[in-house]
């Protein structure tokens, strides 16, 4: 995951919009090692629209904010539980909504 994120941050995978992984184990220290990022709480109404095949947008409370060399912001969301899902949401979302927060990274 770390190498994939680094590649995106250096301009690779420029068409990436959303990425979802199901991981056996989530280790923040390994995933984010050496990656400039900021953990943020989000407003209750912050959402990411996945496009036509989803009835409702994705809502999340906490994100890890990253930015690539082209200034594009992505939100990392990790759902730790039985399934350990790891999401990357690249802004703007599928309907063109820009990143709703003032970027910190």
N, C-alpha and C. Protein backbone atom coordinates (compact mmCIF):
# COMPACT_ATOMS: atom_id res chain seq x y z
N UNK A 1 0.82 -1.19 0.00
CA UNK A 1 0.00 0.00 0.00
C UNK A 1 0.87 1.26 0.00
N UNK A 2 1.92 1.23 0.79
CA UNK A 2 2.80 2.39 0.88
C UNK A 2 3.37 2.74 -0.49
N UNK A 3 3.84 1.74 -1.22
CA UNK A 3 4.43 1.99 -2.54
C UNK A 3 3.38 2.51 -3.52
N UNK A 4 2.16 1.99 -3.44
CA UNK A 4 1.09 2.45 -4.33
C UNK A 4 0.78 3.92 -4.05
N UNK A 5 0.65 4.27 -2.77
CA UNK A 5 0.35 5.67 -2.41
C UNK A 5 1.49 6.58 -2.85
N UNK A 6 2.72 6.17 -2.63
CA UNK A 6 3.88 6.97 -3.06
C UNK A 6 3.86 7.19 -4.57
N UNK A 7 3.54 6.13 -5.32
CA UNK A 7 3.45 6.24 -6.77
C UNK A 7 2.40 7.27 -7.15
N UNK A 8 1.22 7.21 -6.54
CA UNK A 8 0.16 8.18 -6.84
C UNK A 8 0.62 9.59 -6.48
N UNK A 9 1.27 9.74 -5.33
CA UNK A 9 1.72 11.06 -4.89
C UNK A 9 2.75 11.66 -5.83
N UNK A 10 3.50 10.81 -6.53
CA UNK A 10 4.50 11.28 -7.49
C UNK A 10 3.95 11.40 -8.90
N UNK A 11 2.62 11.33 -9.06
CA UNK A 11 1.99 11.56 -10.35
C UNK A 11 1.55 10.31 -11.08
N UNK A 12 1.83 9.13 -10.53
CA UNK A 12 1.39 7.89 -11.16
C UNK A 12 -0.09 7.66 -10.96
N UNK A 13 -0.65 6.75 -11.74
CA UNK A 13 -2.08 6.42 -11.63
C UNK A 13 -2.95 7.67 -11.63
N UNK A 14 -2.69 8.57 -12.56
CA UNK A 14 -3.37 9.87 -12.58
C UNK A 14 -4.86 9.77 -12.85
N UNK A 15 -5.34 8.64 -13.35
CA UNK A 15 -6.77 8.46 -13.59
C UNK A 15 -7.50 7.87 -12.39
N UNK A 16 -6.79 7.59 -11.32
CA UNK A 16 -7.39 7.00 -10.13
C UNK A 16 -8.47 7.92 -9.57
N UNK A 17 -9.64 7.35 -9.29
CA UNK A 17 -10.71 8.10 -8.62
C UNK A 17 -11.03 7.49 -7.27
N UNK A 18 -11.19 6.18 -7.23
CA UNK A 18 -11.49 5.50 -5.98
C UNK A 18 -10.80 4.15 -5.97
N UNK A 19 -10.31 3.77 -4.80
CA UNK A 19 -9.66 2.48 -4.65
C UNK A 19 -10.12 1.88 -3.34
N UNK A 20 -10.48 0.61 -3.37
CA UNK A 20 -10.92 -0.09 -2.16
C UNK A 20 -10.13 -1.38 -2.04
N UNK A 21 -9.53 -1.59 -0.88
CA UNK A 21 -8.84 -2.84 -0.57
C UNK A 21 -9.42 -3.42 0.70
N UNK A 22 -9.46 -4.72 0.76
CA UNK A 22 -9.78 -5.41 2.00
C UNK A 22 -8.48 -6.04 2.47
N UNK A 23 -8.01 -5.65 3.64
CA UNK A 23 -6.71 -6.07 4.13
C UNK A 23 -6.86 -7.01 5.33
N UNK A 24 -5.93 -7.94 5.45
CA UNK A 24 -5.92 -8.82 6.61
C UNK A 24 -5.54 -8.06 7.87
N UNK A 25 -4.61 -7.13 7.71
CA UNK A 25 -4.13 -6.36 8.85
C UNK A 25 -3.86 -4.93 8.39
N UNK A 26 -4.23 -3.97 9.21
CA UNK A 26 -3.99 -2.56 8.90
C UNK A 26 -2.96 -2.03 9.90
N UNK A 27 -1.82 -1.60 9.38
CA UNK A 27 -0.77 -1.03 10.21
C UNK A 27 -0.46 0.37 9.67
N UNK A 28 -0.96 1.40 10.36
CA UNK A 28 -0.78 2.78 9.92
C UNK A 28 0.69 3.14 9.76
N UNK A 29 1.53 2.67 10.67
CA UNK A 29 2.95 3.01 10.61
C UNK A 29 3.59 2.52 9.32
N UNK A 30 3.20 1.34 8.85
CA UNK A 30 3.75 0.80 7.61
C UNK A 30 3.12 1.48 6.40
N UNK A 31 1.79 1.61 6.39
CA UNK A 31 1.09 2.18 5.24
C UNK A 31 1.51 3.63 4.99
N UNK A 32 1.64 4.42 6.05
CA UNK A 32 1.91 5.85 5.90
C UNK A 32 3.36 6.23 6.16
N UNK A 33 4.24 5.25 6.28
CA UNK A 33 5.65 5.52 6.56
C UNK A 33 6.26 6.45 5.50
N UNK A 34 6.69 7.64 5.93
CA UNK A 34 7.33 8.59 5.03
C UNK A 34 6.39 9.34 4.10
N UNK A 35 5.09 9.19 4.30
CA UNK A 35 4.11 9.86 3.44
C UNK A 35 3.56 11.09 4.17
N UNK A 36 3.73 12.29 3.60
CA UNK A 36 3.15 13.49 4.23
C UNK A 36 1.63 13.37 4.25
N UNK A 37 1.06 13.42 5.44
CA UNK A 37 -0.38 13.25 5.58
C UNK A 37 -0.85 13.94 6.85
N UNK A 38 -2.15 14.22 6.88
CA UNK A 38 -2.77 14.85 8.04
C UNK A 38 -4.05 14.10 8.36
N UNK A 39 -4.20 13.70 9.63
CA UNK A 39 -5.45 13.09 10.08
C UNK A 39 -6.42 14.22 10.40
N UNK A 40 -7.67 14.08 9.91
CA UNK A 40 -8.66 15.13 10.11
C UNK A 40 -10.01 14.55 10.49
N UNK A 41 -10.69 15.25 11.39
CA UNK A 41 -12.11 14.98 11.61
C UNK A 41 -12.86 15.76 10.55
N UNK A 42 -13.97 15.22 10.09
CA UNK A 42 -14.72 15.88 9.03
C UNK A 42 -16.09 16.33 9.54
N UNK A 43 -16.68 17.31 8.87
CA UNK A 43 -18.05 17.70 9.24
C UNK A 43 -19.00 16.55 8.93
N UNK A 44 -20.13 16.52 9.64
CA UNK A 44 -21.10 15.43 9.49
C UNK A 44 -21.62 15.27 8.07
N UNK A 45 -21.65 16.35 7.31
CA UNK A 45 -22.24 16.28 5.98
C UNK A 45 -21.20 16.06 4.87
N UNK A 46 -19.95 15.80 5.22
CA UNK A 46 -18.93 15.58 4.19
C UNK A 46 -19.17 14.23 3.53
N UNK A 47 -19.28 14.25 2.21
CA UNK A 47 -19.56 13.01 1.49
C UNK A 47 -18.78 12.96 0.19
N UNK A 48 -18.70 11.76 -0.36
CA UNK A 48 -18.04 11.53 -1.64
C UNK A 48 -19.03 10.77 -2.51
N UNK A 49 -19.38 11.34 -3.65
CA UNK A 49 -20.36 10.72 -4.54
C UNK A 49 -19.66 9.74 -5.47
N UNK A 50 -20.08 8.48 -5.40
CA UNK A 50 -19.45 7.42 -6.18
C UNK A 50 -20.00 7.32 -7.60
N UNK A 51 -20.96 8.14 -7.97
CA UNK A 51 -21.45 8.13 -9.34
C UNK A 51 -22.78 7.41 -9.50
N UNK A 52 -23.06 7.07 -10.71
CA UNK A 52 -24.38 6.55 -11.08
C UNK A 52 -24.73 5.21 -10.46
N UNK A 53 -23.77 4.38 -10.12
CA UNK A 53 -24.10 3.03 -9.64
C UNK A 53 -24.30 2.97 -8.13
N UNK A 54 -24.25 4.08 -7.46
CA UNK A 54 -24.50 4.11 -6.02
C UNK A 54 -25.68 5.03 -5.75
N UNK A 55 -26.62 4.55 -4.94
CA UNK A 55 -27.79 5.35 -4.60
C UNK A 55 -27.45 6.50 -3.66
N UNK A 56 -26.52 6.27 -2.76
CA UNK A 56 -26.19 7.27 -1.76
C UNK A 56 -24.69 7.53 -1.77
N UNK A 57 -24.28 8.75 -1.46
CA UNK A 57 -22.84 9.02 -1.37
C UNK A 57 -22.24 8.36 -0.14
N UNK A 58 -20.92 8.27 -0.11
CA UNK A 58 -20.20 7.74 1.05
C UNK A 58 -19.98 8.88 2.04
N UNK A 59 -20.30 8.64 3.30
CA UNK A 59 -20.06 9.60 4.38
C UNK A 59 -18.98 9.05 5.29
N UNK A 60 -18.14 9.91 5.84
CA UNK A 60 -17.11 9.45 6.76
C UNK A 60 -16.82 10.53 7.78
N UNK A 61 -16.36 10.10 8.96
CA UNK A 61 -16.10 11.02 10.07
C UNK A 61 -14.65 11.45 10.16
N UNK A 62 -13.76 10.54 9.84
CA UNK A 62 -12.33 10.81 9.94
C UNK A 62 -11.66 10.44 8.63
N UNK A 63 -10.68 11.24 8.23
CA UNK A 63 -9.93 10.94 7.01
C UNK A 63 -8.45 11.18 7.26
N UNK A 64 -7.65 10.64 6.39
CA UNK A 64 -6.24 10.98 6.32
C UNK A 64 -6.07 11.69 4.99
N UNK A 65 -5.64 12.94 5.04
CA UNK A 65 -5.53 13.76 3.84
C UNK A 65 -4.13 13.64 3.26
N UNK A 66 -4.06 13.39 1.94
CA UNK A 66 -2.78 13.38 1.23
C UNK A 66 -2.94 14.21 -0.04
N UNK A 67 -1.81 14.61 -0.62
CA UNK A 67 -1.84 15.44 -1.83
C UNK A 67 -0.71 14.97 -2.74
N UNK A 68 -1.00 14.91 -4.06
CA UNK A 68 0.07 14.50 -4.98
C UNK A 68 0.83 15.71 -5.53
N UNK A 69 1.84 15.44 -6.36
CA UNK A 69 2.70 16.52 -6.88
C UNK A 69 1.94 17.49 -7.77
N UNK A 70 0.79 17.10 -8.27
CA UNK A 70 -0.03 17.97 -9.11
C UNK A 70 -1.06 18.76 -8.31
N UNK A 71 -1.02 18.64 -6.97
CA UNK A 71 -1.94 19.36 -6.11
C UNK A 71 -3.28 18.68 -5.90
N UNK A 72 -3.44 17.47 -6.42
CA UNK A 72 -4.70 16.73 -6.28
C UNK A 72 -4.76 16.15 -4.86
N UNK A 73 -5.92 16.33 -4.21
CA UNK A 73 -6.12 15.85 -2.84
C UNK A 73 -6.85 14.52 -2.88
N UNK A 74 -6.45 13.62 -1.98
CA UNK A 74 -7.16 12.36 -1.79
C UNK A 74 -7.41 12.17 -0.31
N UNK A 75 -8.50 11.49 -0.01
CA UNK A 75 -8.85 11.16 1.37
C UNK A 75 -8.69 9.66 1.54
N UNK A 76 -7.93 9.27 2.55
CA UNK A 76 -7.81 7.86 2.91
C UNK A 76 -8.75 7.62 4.07
N UNK A 77 -9.57 6.58 3.94
CA UNK A 77 -10.51 6.20 4.99
C UNK A 77 -10.25 4.73 5.30
N UNK A 78 -10.09 4.43 6.57
CA UNK A 78 -9.83 3.05 6.97
C UNK A 78 -10.93 2.62 7.91
N UNK A 79 -11.57 1.51 7.56
CA UNK A 79 -12.66 0.94 8.36
C UNK A 79 -12.12 -0.33 9.02
N UNK A 80 -11.69 -0.19 10.27
CA UNK A 80 -11.12 -1.34 10.98
C UNK A 80 -12.24 -2.08 11.69
N UNK A 81 -12.32 -3.34 11.43
CA UNK A 81 -13.34 -4.21 12.01
C UNK A 81 -13.08 -5.62 11.54
N UNK A 82 -14.13 -6.35 11.28
CA UNK A 82 -13.97 -7.73 10.80
C UNK A 82 -13.32 -7.77 9.43
N UNK A 83 -13.58 -6.78 8.60
CA UNK A 83 -13.11 -6.83 7.21
C UNK A 83 -11.90 -5.95 6.92
N UNK A 84 -11.63 -4.94 7.71
CA UNK A 84 -10.48 -4.05 7.50
C UNK A 84 -10.43 -3.48 6.08
N UNK A 85 -11.36 -2.61 5.76
CA UNK A 85 -11.38 -1.98 4.44
C UNK A 85 -10.51 -0.73 4.45
N UNK A 86 -9.84 -0.51 3.33
CA UNK A 86 -8.96 0.63 3.12
C UNK A 86 -9.43 1.32 1.85
N UNK A 87 -9.84 2.58 1.96
CA UNK A 87 -10.39 3.33 0.83
C UNK A 87 -9.48 4.51 0.50
N UNK A 88 -9.35 4.81 -0.79
CA UNK A 88 -8.75 6.07 -1.23
C UNK A 88 -9.78 6.75 -2.12
N UNK A 89 -10.17 7.96 -1.76
CA UNK A 89 -11.11 8.77 -2.53
C UNK A 89 -10.36 9.97 -3.09
N UNK A 90 -10.27 10.09 -4.40
CA UNK A 90 -9.56 11.20 -5.04
C UNK A 90 -10.58 12.26 -5.43
N UNK A 91 -10.26 13.51 -5.13
CA UNK A 91 -11.15 14.64 -5.41
C UNK A 91 -10.77 15.31 -6.71
N UNK A 92 -11.72 15.85 -7.45
CA UNK A 92 -13.16 15.90 -7.17
C UNK A 92 -13.78 14.51 -7.29
N UNK A 93 -14.98 14.36 -6.70
CA UNK A 93 -15.65 13.06 -6.75
C UNK A 93 -16.24 12.82 -8.13
N UNK A 94 -16.99 11.74 -8.28
CA UNK A 94 -17.51 11.34 -9.59
C UNK A 94 -18.48 12.35 -10.19
N UNK A 95 -19.09 13.19 -9.36
CA UNK A 95 -20.01 14.20 -9.87
C UNK A 95 -19.37 15.58 -9.94
N UNK A 96 -18.05 15.65 -9.75
CA UNK A 96 -17.34 16.92 -9.88
C UNK A 96 -17.28 17.76 -8.63
N UNK A 97 -17.77 17.24 -7.50
CA UNK A 97 -17.72 18.00 -6.24
C UNK A 97 -16.27 18.12 -5.80
N UNK A 98 -15.77 19.34 -5.59
CA UNK A 98 -14.38 19.52 -5.16
C UNK A 98 -14.19 19.11 -3.70
N UNK A 99 -12.95 19.02 -3.31
CA UNK A 99 -12.62 18.71 -1.92
C UNK A 99 -13.25 19.77 -1.03
N UNK A 100 -14.11 19.37 -0.08
CA UNK A 100 -14.90 20.36 0.67
C UNK A 100 -14.17 21.03 1.83
N UNK A 101 -12.96 20.63 2.14
CA UNK A 101 -12.23 21.23 3.25
C UNK A 101 -11.05 22.02 2.71
N UNK A 102 -10.54 22.93 3.50
CA UNK A 102 -9.31 23.64 3.14
C UNK A 102 -8.16 22.65 3.31
N UNK A 103 -7.44 22.32 2.23
CA UNK A 103 -6.35 21.34 2.34
C UNK A 103 -5.27 21.79 3.32
N UNK A 104 -4.75 20.81 4.09
CA UNK A 104 -3.71 21.10 5.06
C UNK A 104 -2.34 20.59 4.63
N UNK A 105 -2.29 19.62 3.72
CA UNK A 105 -1.00 19.06 3.29
C UNK A 105 -0.52 19.75 2.05
